[in-house]
Amino acid sequence: MQRSTKRTAMTLALGLPLALTLAACSGGTGDAGNGGGDAGGDNTLTVWAWDPAFNIYAMEEAEKVYQAENPDFELDIVEVTWDDLQTKLTTIAQSQAFDELPDIFLMQNNAFQKNVLNYPDLFTPFSADAVDFSEFPKSVVDYSTIDGENYGVPFDSGTAVTALRTDVLEQAGYTVDDFTDITWDQYITIGKDVLAKTGQPLLSGPAGSADLPVMMLQSAGASLFDKDGNPTIVDNDALTAAVDTYTELVESGVLLEVNSWDEYIGTLVNGTVGGTVNGIWIVGSIQTAADQSGKWAITNVPKLDGVDGATNYTANGGSSWAISSTGNTELAEKFLAETFAGSTELYDTILPKAGAVANWIPAGDSPVYAEPVEFFGGQPIFQEVVAFGAEVPSNNTGAYYYEGRDAVSAAMTKIIGGGDRDAALAEAQANVEFAMQ
């Protein structure tokens, strides 16, 4: 049964804190309706997305913006979890039941390449000049660019930040400025001092997760795959540096490994650690600790030492809107161009109410983005994050990004457990090559 999420009871969602951004990046929950095809005529578009309080709320606000000049326009928004959406696309591609596709659907950035390459009949590239993609960070646009054609309009930002407890730093004699434009070696040196003086690590993370090493990798414009999609886990200088850096973080005590994602969030809100490095969406979870208001700040991320192309900018997560191959492609393209790729009003609305930080660079010039955030000591964090996003290097996710990331995660577990680094990475490469057969 199709379930439309065009709802009148959004009042509750609008009042929720920015913690909702976490659900937006991780996939959310909900019922998956059929929702395919043109549900209501030439002025109606069907949309598949997850998370009512984030992605779907943003799409509903985009509908209102577009209706101001097009009053007969409507969206039929169907809530579909990320896992269900991926399953639906695979099933439709295999059965060639293209009439079941919506007009627009959300796609995780790191999965975009694989889906377009595996299921090209499901996607429509944007026509020339429909969207000014130069107004988005190139690193984000590249996720949905295949063979020179653009298949997605970037939506929520996965730009990474270093978030720090300023009160913890003050106890150890530091400020956030000491963490700005630094290297990971410098970070570890300061982190050891903070740990010795306060007893608090500066970082935490789920054991066995490759998120941080992969963020380090992208900060240097490097990848787990070459331009032809072949895995480059072995003899990858940037990856080796990232793995060694992560290992030193753990062994020095500067990074506390925990057993699960929930425990990771717990370390942030209960004061176990003095900071984190993650996508900007993490600030939503941080802000659930009301007693810590005014005690946080953000800056850019450390860069790898001695690695060509190393920068202080990277990303983790994010998503983009795709247009299907069988819907009202012309209207879908026009709608996305005038909202998510062209409306400051839209981003001004969804930022304070859902914490949806724009990838669209002009949004950062808005007074709303320049508003001081009390929780972060009055710092205009969202304006700064948009500027960070423009500096994130591009990297090639490849069609097998998740297989590569999972293989590196397994390798990290072995290395942290005392295993040989090179042997673990060689095994990871072999596993990815097997998965690609």
Protein backbone atom coordinates (compact mmCIF):
# COMPACT_ATOMS: atom_id res chain seq x y z
CA MET A 1 0.00 0.00 0.00
CA GLN A 2 1.36 3.39 -0.97
CA ARG A 3 1.98 5.69 1.94
CA SER A 4 2.17 9.44 1.29
CA THR A 5 4.07 11.42 3.89
CA LYS A 6 2.54 14.77 2.99
CA ARG A 7 1.32 15.19 6.52
CA THR A 8 -0.27 17.88 8.62
CA ALA A 9 1.27 16.66 11.86
CA MET A 10 4.76 17.98 11.15
CA THR A 11 4.60 20.38 14.10
CA LEU A 12 6.28 17.83 16.36
CA ALA A 13 9.09 17.22 13.87
CA LEU A 14 9.79 20.92 13.45
CA GLY A 15 10.45 21.31 17.13
CA LEU A 16 12.94 18.47 17.39
CA PRO A 17 16.67 19.16 17.84
CA LEU A 18 19.37 18.81 15.25
CA ALA A 19 20.00 15.25 16.41
CA LEU A 20 17.63 14.36 13.60
CA THR A 21 20.48 14.94 11.20
CA LEU A 22 22.03 11.67 12.33
CA ALA A 23 19.02 9.74 11.10
CA ALA A 24 19.21 11.60 7.81
CA CYS A 25 22.69 10.31 7.15
CA SER A 26 22.19 6.81 8.47
CA GLY A 27 19.00 5.93 6.65
CA GLY A 28 16.03 6.48 8.96
CA THR A 29 12.99 4.23 9.29
CA GLY A 30 9.52 3.96 7.88
CA ASP A 31 7.09 2.11 5.66
CA ALA A 32 7.96 1.57 2.03
CA GLY A 33 5.04 2.09 -0.29
CA ASN A 34 4.95 1.29 -3.97
CA GLY A 35 4.76 4.93 -5.01
CA GLY A 36 5.98 4.42 -8.56
CA GLY A 37 5.17 6.38 -11.64
CA ASP A 38 3.30 9.63 -12.19
CA ALA A 39 0.82 9.71 -9.32
CA GLY A 40 -1.19 12.79 -10.19
CA GLY A 41 -0.80 14.14 -13.71
CA ASP A 42 1.57 16.49 -15.45
CA ASN A 43 2.08 18.77 -12.41
CA THR A 44 2.66 16.02 -9.84
CA LEU A 45 5.97 14.34 -9.04
CA THR A 46 6.43 11.21 -6.95
CA VAL A 47 9.42 11.19 -4.59
CA TRP A 48 11.06 8.39 -2.60
CA ALA A 49 13.08 9.38 0.46
CA TRP A 50 13.75 8.32 4.04
CA ASP A 51 13.47 10.19 7.35
CA PRO A 52 10.28 12.28 7.72
CA ALA A 53 11.90 14.88 9.97
CA PHE A 54 14.86 15.56 7.70
CA ASN A 55 14.84 14.55 4.05
CA ILE A 56 11.07 14.39 3.68
CA TYR A 57 10.57 17.62 5.61
CA ALA A 58 13.07 19.32 3.30
CA MET A 59 11.23 18.01 0.25
CA GLU A 60 7.91 19.27 1.63
CA GLU A 61 9.40 22.73 2.10
CA ALA A 62 10.80 22.59 -1.42
CA GLU A 63 7.28 21.86 -2.65
CA LYS A 64 6.03 25.04 -0.95
CA VAL A 65 8.81 27.12 -2.50
CA TYR A 66 8.04 25.82 -5.99
CA GLN A 67 4.29 26.24 -5.52
CA ALA A 68 4.76 29.98 -4.99
CA GLU A 69 5.22 30.34 -8.78
CA ASN A 70 3.51 27.08 -9.75
CA PRO A 71 0.35 26.76 -7.62
CA ASP A 72 -0.90 23.62 -9.40
CA PHE A 73 2.30 21.72 -8.62
CA GLU A 74 2.22 18.84 -6.12
CA LEU A 75 4.55 16.25 -4.70
CA ASP A 76 3.52 12.73 -3.70
CA ILE A 77 6.22 11.86 -1.19
CA VAL A 78 6.60 8.22 -0.19
CA GLU A 79 8.67 7.29 2.84
CA VAL A 80 11.12 4.52 1.90
CA THR A 81 14.07 3.57 4.12
CA TRP A 82 17.49 3.56 2.48
CA ASP A 83 17.78 -0.23 2.65
CA ASP A 84 14.32 -0.67 1.15
CA LEU A 85 15.02 1.91 -1.53
CA GLN A 86 18.16 0.08 -2.58
CA THR A 87 16.25 -3.22 -2.67
CA LYS A 88 13.46 -1.67 -4.74
CA LEU A 89 15.91 -0.29 -7.31
CA THR A 90 17.62 -3.65 -7.63
CA THR A 91 14.27 -5.45 -8.06
CA ILE A 92 13.00 -2.94 -10.62
CA ALA A 93 16.22 -3.18 -12.62
CA GLN A 94 16.13 -6.98 -12.66
CA SER A 95 12.44 -7.16 -13.61
CA GLN A 96 12.61 -4.11 -15.89
CA ALA A 97 9.42 -2.84 -14.24
CA PHE A 98 10.44 0.74 -14.90
CA ASP A 99 6.89 2.05 -14.52
CA GLU A 100 7.23 1.42 -10.77
CA LEU A 101 9.92 4.08 -10.45
CA PRO A 102 9.18 7.44 -8.82
CA ASP A 103 10.12 10.67 -10.59
CA ILE A 104 12.76 11.58 -7.99
CA PHE A 105 14.55 9.49 -5.38
CA LEU A 106 17.23 10.13 -2.78
CA MET A 107 20.58 8.38 -3.11
CA GLN A 108 23.43 8.10 -0.61
CA ASN A 109 26.46 9.77 -2.16
CA ASN A 110 28.82 6.86 -1.61
CA ALA A 111 26.36 4.51 -3.35
CA PHE A 112 25.65 6.72 -6.36
CA GLN A 113 28.40 5.48 -8.66
CA LYS A 114 27.61 1.82 -8.06
CA ASN A 115 23.90 2.26 -8.71
CA VAL A 116 24.29 4.23 -11.94
CA LEU A 117 26.92 1.84 -13.26
CA ASN A 118 24.95 -1.28 -12.30
CA TYR A 119 21.48 0.02 -13.19
CA PRO A 120 21.93 2.71 -15.88
CA ASP A 121 18.37 2.20 -17.16
CA LEU A 122 16.97 3.59 -13.89
CA PHE A 123 18.59 7.03 -14.06
CA THR A 124 18.33 10.12 -16.27
CA PRO A 125 21.26 12.53 -16.47
CA PHE A 126 20.53 16.22 -16.14
CA SER A 127 20.35 18.09 -19.42
CA ALA A 128 23.07 20.60 -20.24
CA ASP A 129 22.83 23.85 -18.27
CA ALA A 130 19.78 22.69 -16.28
CA VAL A 131 21.69 23.10 -13.02
CA ASP A 132 24.78 25.18 -12.29
CA PHE A 133 26.84 22.44 -10.70
CA SER A 134 29.73 24.88 -10.16
CA GLU A 135 27.67 26.21 -7.24
CA PHE A 136 28.22 22.94 -5.38
CA PRO A 137 31.55 21.57 -4.05
CA LYS A 138 33.24 19.65 -6.85
CA SER A 139 34.00 16.81 -4.44
CA VAL A 140 30.27 16.31 -3.86
CA VAL A 141 29.24 16.73 -7.49
CA ASP A 142 31.77 14.07 -8.45
CA TYR A 143 29.88 11.44 -6.45
CA SER A 144 27.03 11.57 -8.97
CA THR A 145 29.03 12.36 -12.12
CA ILE A 146 29.58 9.38 -14.41
CA ASP A 147 31.33 9.64 -17.78
CA GLY A 148 31.06 13.41 -17.67
CA GLU A 149 27.29 13.49 -17.05
CA ASN A 150 25.58 14.70 -13.87
CA TYR A 151 22.99 12.38 -12.37
CA GLY A 152 22.28 14.01 -9.01
CA VAL A 153 21.64 17.32 -7.24
CA PRO A 154 23.60 17.32 -3.96
CA PHE A 155 21.46 17.83 -0.88
CA ASP A 156 22.69 17.47 2.71
CA SER A 157 26.30 18.09 3.57
CA GLY A 158 28.65 15.43 4.87
CA THR A 159 31.48 17.97 5.25
CA ALA A 160 33.63 16.94 8.21
CA VAL A 161 34.55 19.05 11.21
CA THR A 162 36.64 18.74 14.32
CA ALA A 163 34.26 19.41 17.21
CA LEU A 164 35.89 20.16 20.56
CA ARG A 165 34.90 20.78 24.17
CA THR A 166 36.36 24.21 24.83
CA ASP A 167 36.15 23.77 28.61
CA VAL A 168 38.26 20.60 28.42
CA LEU A 169 40.82 22.35 26.22
CA GLU A 170 40.95 25.28 28.64
CA GLN A 171 41.80 22.95 31.52
CA ALA A 172 44.81 21.76 29.53
CA GLY A 173 45.82 25.25 28.39
CA TYR A 174 44.57 25.10 24.81
CA THR A 175 41.95 26.76 22.61
CA VAL A 176 40.27 25.68 19.39
CA ASP A 177 42.79 27.83 17.50
CA ASP A 178 45.46 25.32 18.50
CA PHE A 179 43.56 22.71 16.46
CA THR A 180 43.01 24.81 13.34
CA ASP A 181 45.04 24.03 10.19
CA ILE A 182 47.15 21.44 11.99
CA THR A 183 48.48 17.99 11.07
CA TRP A 184 47.51 14.70 12.67
CA ASP A 185 50.97 14.47 14.29
CA GLN A 186 50.28 17.81 15.98
CA TYR A 187 46.82 16.63 16.96
CA ILE A 188 48.22 13.51 18.61
CA THR A 189 50.88 15.53 20.47
CA ILE A 190 48.28 17.92 21.87
CA GLY A 191 45.88 15.04 22.49
CA LYS A 192 48.41 13.24 24.66
CA ASP A 193 48.91 16.41 26.71
CA VAL A 194 45.15 16.92 27.11
CA LEU A 195 44.76 13.29 28.17
CA ALA A 196 47.54 13.61 30.73
CA LYS A 197 46.14 16.83 32.20
CA THR A 198 42.41 16.06 32.13
CA GLY A 199 42.09 12.30 31.82
CA GLN A 200 39.87 12.75 28.77
CA PRO A 201 40.63 11.40 25.28
CA LEU A 202 39.91 13.80 22.44
CA LEU A 203 38.32 11.17 20.20
CA SER A 204 36.15 8.08 20.28
CA GLY A 205 34.67 5.73 17.74
CA PRO A 206 33.18 2.28 17.19
CA ALA A 207 35.89 -0.37 17.13
CA GLY A 208 36.37 -1.85 13.68
CA SER A 209 35.03 1.21 11.85
CA ALA A 210 37.06 2.57 8.95
CA ASP A 211 35.17 5.88 8.89
CA LEU A 212 38.03 7.96 10.30
CA PRO A 213 40.80 6.41 8.14
CA VAL A 214 38.59 6.83 5.05
CA MET A 215 38.00 10.48 5.99
CA MET A 216 41.77 10.90 6.30
CA LEU A 217 42.14 9.30 2.89
CA GLN A 218 39.71 11.67 1.19
CA SER A 219 41.32 14.68 2.86
CA ALA A 220 44.31 13.99 0.61
CA GLY A 221 42.15 13.43 -2.47
CA ALA A 222 43.03 9.75 -2.34
CA SER A 223 40.82 6.70 -2.69
CA LEU A 224 40.55 2.95 -2.24
CA PHE A 225 40.19 2.68 -6.04
CA ASP A 226 41.98 4.02 -9.09
CA LYS A 227 40.33 5.90 -11.96
CA ASP A 228 39.45 2.59 -13.62
CA GLY A 229 37.72 1.29 -10.48
CA ASN A 230 40.46 -1.16 -9.49
CA PRO A 231 41.18 -1.45 -5.74
CA THR A 232 44.31 0.31 -4.51
CA ILE A 233 44.39 -0.82 -0.90
CA VAL A 234 47.91 -2.21 -1.27
CA ASP A 235 50.80 0.23 -1.92
CA ASN A 236 48.51 3.19 -1.24
CA ASP A 237 50.71 5.74 0.56
CA ALA A 238 47.79 7.86 1.77
CA LEU A 239 45.93 4.83 3.12
CA THR A 240 49.05 3.52 4.83
CA ALA A 241 49.53 6.91 6.49
CA ALA A 242 45.88 6.95 7.55
CA VAL A 243 46.06 3.45 9.02
CA ASP A 244 49.29 4.25 10.88
CA THR A 245 47.79 7.49 12.19
CA TYR A 246 44.67 5.74 13.40
CA THR A 247 46.75 3.04 15.07
CA GLU A 248 48.81 5.67 16.89
CA LEU A 249 45.64 7.47 18.01
CA VAL A 250 44.36 4.27 19.61
CA GLU A 251 47.66 3.13 21.11
CA SER A 252 48.33 6.58 22.60
CA GLY A 253 44.92 6.68 24.25
CA VAL A 254 43.93 9.83 22.37
CA LEU A 255 41.16 7.82 20.68
CA LEU A 256 38.87 5.63 22.76
CA GLU A 257 37.37 2.68 20.86
CA VAL A 258 33.89 1.58 21.97
CA ASN A 259 31.64 -1.31 21.00
CA SER A 260 28.83 0.38 19.08
CA TRP A 261 27.51 3.55 17.49
CA ASP A 262 25.24 4.19 20.47
CA GLU A 263 28.21 3.97 22.81
CA TYR A 264 30.09 6.39 20.57
CA ILE A 265 27.28 8.95 20.84
CA GLY A 266 27.22 8.30 24.56
CA THR A 267 30.87 9.30 24.93
CA LEU A 268 30.04 12.68 23.38
CA VAL A 269 26.97 13.53 25.43
CA ASN A 270 28.16 12.17 28.80
CA GLY A 271 31.50 13.95 28.70
CA THR A 272 33.73 10.89 28.39
CA VAL A 273 35.71 12.50 25.56
CA GLY A 274 36.63 16.06 24.68
CA GLY A 275 35.81 16.02 20.99
CA THR A 276 35.16 14.18 17.77
CA VAL A 277 35.93 14.30 14.05
CA ASN A 278 32.94 13.52 11.84
CA GLY A 279 30.44 14.86 9.32
CA ILE A 280 28.68 18.08 10.33
CA TRP A 281 25.54 16.07 11.00
CA ILE A 282 27.17 14.87 14.24
CA VAL A 283 26.46 18.25 15.84
CA GLY A 284 22.81 17.24 16.07
CA SER A 285 23.69 14.42 18.45
CA ILE A 286 26.14 16.61 20.37
CA GLN A 287 23.44 19.21 20.99
CA THR A 288 21.22 16.72 22.79
CA ALA A 289 23.51 17.31 25.81
CA ALA A 290 21.82 20.54 26.93
CA ASP A 291 24.17 20.87 29.92
CA GLN A 292 27.09 21.31 27.50
CA SER A 293 25.64 24.35 25.71
CA GLY A 294 28.28 26.98 25.09
CA LYS A 295 31.10 24.51 25.70
CA TRP A 296 31.71 23.33 22.13
CA ALA A 297 33.40 24.78 19.05
CA ILE A 298 34.29 23.49 15.60
CA THR A 299 37.23 23.87 13.26
CA ASN A 300 38.60 22.05 10.22
CA VAL A 301 40.15 18.59 10.42
CA PRO A 302 43.83 17.69 10.79
CA LYS A 303 45.73 16.74 7.63
CA LEU A 304 47.98 13.76 7.06
CA ASP A 305 51.68 14.36 7.50
CA GLY A 306 54.01 13.84 4.55
CA VAL A 307 51.27 12.88 2.06
CA ASP A 308 51.01 14.57 -1.32
CA GLY A 309 47.79 16.53 -1.69
CA ALA A 310 46.99 16.47 2.03
CA THR A 311 44.44 19.09 3.15
CA ASN A 312 42.47 20.03 6.25
CA TYR A 313 39.13 19.19 4.64
CA THR A 314 37.14 16.01 4.11
CA ALA A 315 33.63 14.56 4.29
CA ASN A 316 31.64 11.66 5.68
CA GLY A 317 28.16 10.93 4.36
CA GLY A 318 25.67 13.09 2.51
CA SER A 319 23.09 12.40 -0.18
CA SER A 320 21.83 13.66 -3.54
CA TRP A 321 18.52 13.72 -5.44
CA ALA A 322 18.34 11.57 -8.58
CA ILE A 323 15.84 11.65 -11.46
CA SER A 324 14.46 8.35 -12.72
CA SER A 325 14.40 7.25 -16.33
CA THR A 326 10.64 6.92 -16.73
CA GLY A 327 9.04 9.77 -14.82
CA ASN A 328 8.29 13.37 -15.76
CA THR A 329 11.97 14.14 -16.18
CA GLU A 330 11.55 17.68 -17.51
CA LEU A 331 9.41 18.79 -14.57
CA ALA A 332 11.63 16.95 -12.07
CA GLU A 333 14.70 18.67 -13.43
CA LYS A 334 13.08 22.10 -13.32
CA PHE A 335 11.78 21.55 -9.78
CA LEU A 336 15.19 20.50 -8.42
CA ALA A 337 16.96 23.32 -10.27
CA GLU A 338 14.70 25.95 -8.72
CA THR A 339 14.71 24.56 -5.18
CA PHE A 340 17.68 22.48 -4.01
CA ALA A 341 19.93 24.07 -6.65
CA GLY A 342 18.52 27.56 -6.58
CA SER A 343 16.56 28.66 -3.50
CA THR A 344 18.13 30.43 -0.55
CA GLU A 345 14.64 30.59 0.94
CA LEU A 346 14.49 26.80 1.06
CA TYR A 347 17.82 26.39 2.82
CA ASP A 348 17.06 29.25 5.22
CA THR A 349 13.92 27.37 6.26
CA ILE A 350 15.30 23.87 6.67
CA LEU A 351 18.57 24.81 8.42
CA PRO A 352 17.17 26.00 11.78
CA LYS A 353 14.26 23.55 11.83
CA ALA A 354 15.98 20.34 10.72
CA GLY A 355 19.70 21.11 10.75
CA ALA A 356 19.96 20.40 7.02
CA VAL A 357 23.26 22.03 6.08
CA ALA A 358 23.42 22.91 2.41
CA ASN A 359 25.91 21.71 -0.14
CA TRP A 360 24.67 24.57 -2.33
CA ILE A 361 27.43 27.13 -1.77
CA PRO A 362 25.31 30.32 -2.26
CA ALA A 363 23.24 29.29 0.78
CA GLY A 364 26.25 30.06 2.95
CA ASP A 365 25.93 33.76 2.09
CA SER A 366 22.52 33.93 3.75
CA PRO A 367 22.12 35.79 7.06
CA VAL A 368 20.54 32.62 8.45
CA TYR A 369 23.77 30.69 7.94
CA ALA A 370 25.69 33.53 9.60
CA GLU A 371 23.56 33.30 12.75
CA PRO A 372 25.62 32.54 15.87
CA VAL A 373 24.88 29.14 17.40
CA GLU A 374 24.61 29.47 21.16
CA PHE A 375 25.48 25.82 21.81
CA PHE A 376 28.79 26.39 20.01
CA GLY A 377 29.69 29.50 21.95
CA GLY A 378 28.09 31.84 19.44
CA GLN A 379 30.19 30.51 16.57
CA PRO A 380 28.46 30.70 13.13
CA ILE A 381 29.26 27.05 12.53
CA PHE A 382 27.00 26.53 9.50
CA GLN A 383 28.50 29.38 7.53
CA GLU A 384 31.96 27.98 8.26
CA VAL A 385 30.96 24.46 7.24
CA VAL A 386 29.71 25.63 3.83
CA ALA A 387 33.12 27.25 3.30
CA PHE A 388 34.86 24.04 4.42
CA GLY A 389 32.79 22.03 1.94
CA ALA A 390 34.09 24.04 -0.99
CA GLU A 391 37.63 22.92 -0.07
CA VAL A 392 37.04 19.16 0.24
CA PRO A 393 39.14 17.26 -2.33
CA SER A 394 37.42 14.99 -4.82
CA ASN A 395 38.08 11.28 -4.67
CA ASN A 396 36.86 8.27 -6.57
CA THR A 397 34.44 6.18 -4.54
CA GLY A 398 34.24 3.52 -7.23
CA ALA A 399 31.36 1.12 -7.75
CA TYR A 400 32.55 -1.05 -4.86
CA TYR A 401 33.04 1.65 -2.23
CA TYR A 402 31.19 -0.19 0.54
CA GLU A 403 33.02 -3.45 -0.14
CA GLY A 404 36.30 -1.55 0.03
CA ARG A 405 35.37 0.27 3.21
CA ASP A 406 34.21 -2.95 4.91
CA ALA A 407 37.40 -4.74 3.90
CA VAL A 408 39.51 -1.94 5.37
CA SER A 409 37.40 -2.02 8.53
CA ALA A 410 38.19 -5.72 8.93
CA ALA A 411 41.86 -5.00 8.31
CA MET A 412 41.84 -2.25 10.95
CA THR A 413 40.48 -4.66 13.54
CA LYS A 414 43.35 -7.07 12.84
CA ILE A 415 45.96 -4.30 12.88
CA ILE A 416 44.73 -2.80 16.15
CA GLY A 417 44.74 -6.33 17.57
CA GLY A 418 48.46 -6.59 16.80
CA GLY A 419 48.34 -8.05 13.30
CA ASP A 420 50.78 -7.14 10.54
CA ARG A 421 49.58 -4.01 8.73
CA ASP A 422 50.75 -4.92 5.25
CA ALA A 423 49.38 -8.45 5.47
CA ALA A 424 46.00 -7.20 6.68
CA LEU A 425 45.76 -4.66 3.87
CA ALA A 426 46.81 -7.27 1.29
CA GLU A 427 44.04 -9.54 2.54
CA ALA A 428 41.59 -6.64 2.33
CA GLN A 429 42.54 -6.00 -1.29
CA ALA A 430 42.16 -9.70 -2.13
CA ASN A 431 38.69 -9.73 -0.57
CA VAL A 432 37.58 -6.71 -2.63
CA GLU A 433 38.99 -8.22 -5.82
CA PHE A 434 37.04 -11.41 -5.08
CA ALA A 435 33.84 -9.44 -4.49
CA MET A 436 34.32 -7.71 -7.86
CA GLN A 437 34.52 -10.94 -9.82
